[in-house]
Amino acid sequence: MASAESSYAGWIEILDRLERELAVAVSGGGPTGWAPPEPSGPVPAELRERAERLLDAQRESLDMVLAARLDAARHLNALRAVPDVGLSGRPHYLDVTG
C-alpha cells in the first residue's frame, strides 16, 4: 500500500499532467496520446479543490467540443443541400432566402 506521501506526490503528478493535456486540448493542439493515470489512491483532501476545478474545466472543454461538432454537422448538412451540378459550364445559383 502506498504511503500518504507517495500518494500525495502521485496525485500532484497526475493533476499536473491532466492540466497540461487540457491546456493543449483547449489551445487546439493535436491528440496527446492520452492514457488513464495510474491509480494513486484516493485524492488527498489538500488536493480535492484543485481536482474539482480541473474536472470542471474538462467538462467545459467537452461542452466546447460538442458545440463545435454540432456546428460542423450543421455546415456539412448545408453543403449537402447544394445540388451536385457537375461541370456543365453553366452558372448555378442557390436560393438561400427560403
C-alpha atoms as a PDB file:
ATOM      1  CA  MET A   1       0.000   0.000   0.000  1.00  0.00           C
ATOM      2  CA  ALA A   2       1.301   3.439  -0.918  1.00  0.00           C
ATOM      3  CA  SER A   3       2.270   5.848   1.814  1.00  0.00           C
ATOM      4  CA  ALA A   4       0.394   9.120   2.221  1.00  0.00           C
ATOM      5  CA  GLU A   5       3.472  10.988   0.965  1.00  0.00           C
ATOM      6  CA  SER A   6       3.810   8.901  -2.198  1.00  0.00           C
ATOM      7  CA  SER A   7       0.039   9.120  -2.793  1.00  0.00           C
ATOM      8  CA  TYR A   8       0.203  12.928  -2.480  1.00  0.00           C
ATOM      9  CA  ALA A   9       3.178  13.111  -4.857  1.00  0.00           C
ATOM     10  CA  GLY A  10       1.404  10.740  -7.253  1.00  0.00           C
ATOM     11  CA  TRP A  11      -1.673  12.962  -7.293  1.00  0.00           C
ATOM     12  CA  ILE A  12       0.419  16.082  -7.866  1.00  0.00           C
ATOM     13  CA  GLU A  13       1.939  14.359 -10.896  1.00  0.00           C
ATOM     14  CA  ILE A  14      -1.466  13.204 -12.162  1.00  0.00           C
ATOM     15  CA  LEU A  15      -3.064  16.643 -11.786  1.00  0.00           C
ATOM     16  CA  ASP A  16      -0.069  18.382 -13.381  1.00  0.00           C
ATOM     17  CA  ARG A  17      -0.257  16.031 -16.370  1.00  0.00           C
ATOM     18  CA  LEU A  18      -4.028  16.388 -16.742  1.00  0.00           C
ATOM     19  CA  GLU A  19      -3.748  20.186 -16.611  1.00  0.00           C
ATOM     20  CA  ARG A  20      -1.025  20.174 -19.303  1.00  0.00           C
ATOM     21  CA  GLU A  21      -3.109  17.890 -21.523  1.00  0.00           C
ATOM     22  CA  LEU A  22      -6.187  20.067 -21.043  1.00  0.00           C
ATOM     23  CA  ALA A  23      -4.196  23.197 -21.937  1.00  0.00           C
ATOM     24  CA  VAL A  24      -3.008  21.526 -25.154  1.00  0.00           C
ATOM     25  CA  ALA A  25      -6.539  20.387 -25.989  1.00  0.00           C
ATOM     26  CA  VAL A  26      -8.219  23.772 -25.498  1.00  0.00           C
ATOM     27  CA  SER A  27      -5.475  25.567 -27.423  1.00  0.00           C
ATOM     28  CA  GLY A  28      -6.250  23.471 -30.479  1.00  0.00           C
ATOM     29  CA  GLY A  29      -3.292  21.149 -30.128  1.00  0.00           C
ATOM     30  CA  GLY A  30      -3.433  17.678 -31.512  1.00  0.00           C
ATOM     31  CA  PRO A  31      -4.016  14.446 -29.639  1.00  0.00           C
ATOM     32  CA  THR A  32      -1.592  13.782 -26.829  1.00  0.00           C
ATOM     33  CA  GLY A  33      -1.766  10.005 -26.808  1.00  0.00           C
ATOM     34  CA  TRP A  34      -3.749  10.112 -23.592  1.00  0.00           C
ATOM     35  CA  ALA A  35      -3.638   7.185 -21.224  1.00  0.00           C
ATOM     36  CA  PRO A  36      -5.513   6.956 -17.944  1.00  0.00           C
ATOM     37  CA  PRO A  37      -3.443   7.864 -14.901  1.00  0.00           C
ATOM     38  CA  GLU A  38      -2.050   5.133 -12.723  1.00  0.00           C
ATOM     39  CA  PRO A  39      -4.092   4.632  -9.562  1.00  0.00           C
ATOM     40  CA  SER A  40      -2.628   6.606  -6.711  1.00  0.00           C
ATOM     41  CA  GLY A  41      -5.226   6.012  -4.027  1.00  0.00           C
ATOM     42  CA  PRO A  42      -7.930   8.467  -3.059  1.00  0.00           C
ATOM     43  CA  VAL A  43      -7.394  12.149  -3.787  1.00  0.00           C
ATOM     44  CA  PRO A  44      -5.794  13.748  -0.720  1.00  0.00           C
ATOM     45  CA  ALA A  45      -8.035  16.319   0.969  1.00  0.00           C
ATOM     46  CA  GLU A  46      -5.477  19.075   0.269  1.00  0.00           C
ATOM     47  CA  LEU A  47      -5.795  18.437  -3.485  1.00  0.00           C
ATOM     48  CA  ARG A  48      -9.547  17.889  -3.712  1.00  0.00           C
ATOM     49  CA  GLU A  49     -10.363  21.512  -4.647  1.00  0.00           C
ATOM     50  CA  ARG A  50      -7.709  21.511  -7.399  1.00  0.00           C
ATOM     51  CA  ALA A  51      -9.007  18.189  -8.732  1.00  0.00           C
ATOM     52  CA  GLU A  52     -12.589  19.518  -8.752  1.00  0.00           C
ATOM     53  CA  ARG A  53     -11.540  22.682 -10.627  1.00  0.00           C
ATOM     54  CA  LEU A  54      -9.748  20.517 -13.185  1.00  0.00           C
ATOM     55  CA  LEU A  55     -12.813  18.306 -13.568  1.00  0.00           C
ATOM     56  CA  ASP A  56     -14.996  21.396 -14.118  1.00  0.00           C
ATOM     57  CA  ALA A  57     -12.530  22.695 -16.741  1.00  0.00           C
ATOM     58  CA  GLN A  58     -12.560  19.318 -18.503  1.00  0.00           C
ATOM     59  CA  ARG A  59     -16.362  19.360 -18.570  1.00  0.00           C
ATOM     60  CA  GLU A  60     -16.342  22.887 -20.044  1.00  0.00           C
ATOM     61  CA  SER A  61     -13.876  21.825 -22.741  1.00  0.00           C
ATOM     62  CA  LEU A  62     -16.070  18.823 -23.550  1.00  0.00           C
ATOM     63  CA  ASP A  63     -19.040  21.172 -23.938  1.00  0.00           C
ATOM     64  CA  MET A  64     -16.960  23.304 -26.342  1.00  0.00           C
ATOM     65  CA  VAL A  65     -16.004  20.239 -28.386  1.00  0.00           C
ATOM     66  CA  LEU A  66     -19.617  19.078 -28.556  1.00  0.00           C
ATOM     67  CA  ALA A  67     -20.753  22.547 -29.666  1.00  0.00           C
ATOM     68  CA  ALA A  68     -18.055  22.626 -32.366  1.00  0.00           C
ATOM     69  CA  ARG A  69     -19.109  19.167 -33.514  1.00  0.00           C
ATOM     70  CA  LEU A  70     -22.735  20.280 -33.778  1.00  0.00           C
ATOM     71  CA  ASP A  71     -21.685  23.381 -35.702  1.00  0.00           C
ATOM     72  CA  ALA A  72     -19.617  21.265 -38.104  1.00  0.00           C
ATOM     73  CA  ALA A  73     -22.587  18.928 -38.621  1.00  0.00           C
ATOM     74  CA  ARG A  74     -24.781  21.909 -39.491  1.00  0.00           C
ATOM     75  CA  HIS A  75     -22.226  23.121 -42.026  1.00  0.00           C
ATOM     76  CA  LEU A  76     -21.994  19.661 -43.586  1.00  0.00           C
ATOM     77  CA  ASN A  77     -25.776  19.463 -43.843  1.00  0.00           C
ATOM     78  CA  ALA A  78     -25.837  22.862 -45.565  1.00  0.00           C
ATOM     79  CA  LEU A  79     -23.212  21.689 -48.040  1.00  0.00           C
ATOM     80  CA  ARG A  80     -25.178  18.518 -48.740  1.00  0.00           C
ATOM     81  CA  ALA A  81     -28.197  20.684 -49.618  1.00  0.00           C
ATOM     82  CA  VAL A  82     -26.307  22.188 -52.565  1.00  0.00           C
ATOM     83  CA  PRO A  83     -27.157  20.168 -55.663  1.00  0.00           C
ATOM     84  CA  ASP A  84     -24.304  18.487 -57.466  1.00  0.00           C
ATOM     85  CA  VAL A  85     -24.386  20.139 -60.866  1.00  0.00           C
ATOM     86  CA  GLY A  86     -21.192  18.718 -62.243  1.00  0.00           C
ATOM     87  CA  LEU A  87     -19.051  20.667 -64.642  1.00  0.00           C
ATOM     88  CA  SER A  88     -21.695  21.815 -67.127  1.00  0.00           C
ATOM     89  CA  GLY A  89     -20.059  25.187 -67.615  1.00  0.00           C
ATOM     90  CA  ARG A  90     -23.296  26.972 -66.773  1.00  0.00           C
ATOM     91  CA  PRO A  91     -23.547  29.242 -63.745  1.00  0.00           C
ATOM     92  CA  HIS A  92     -25.743  27.899 -60.935  1.00  0.00           C
ATOM     93  CA  TYR A  93     -27.224  29.736 -58.026  1.00  0.00           C
ATOM     94  CA  LEU A  94     -28.513  28.524 -54.698  1.00  0.00           C
ATOM     95  CA  ASP A  95     -31.579  30.318 -53.320  1.00  0.00           C
ATOM     96  CA  VAL A  96     -30.884  30.806 -49.618  1.00  0.00           C
ATOM     97  CA  THR A  97     -33.831  33.132 -48.979  1.00  0.00           C
ATOM     98  CA  GLY A  98     -36.375  30.385 -48.326  1.00  0.00           C
END
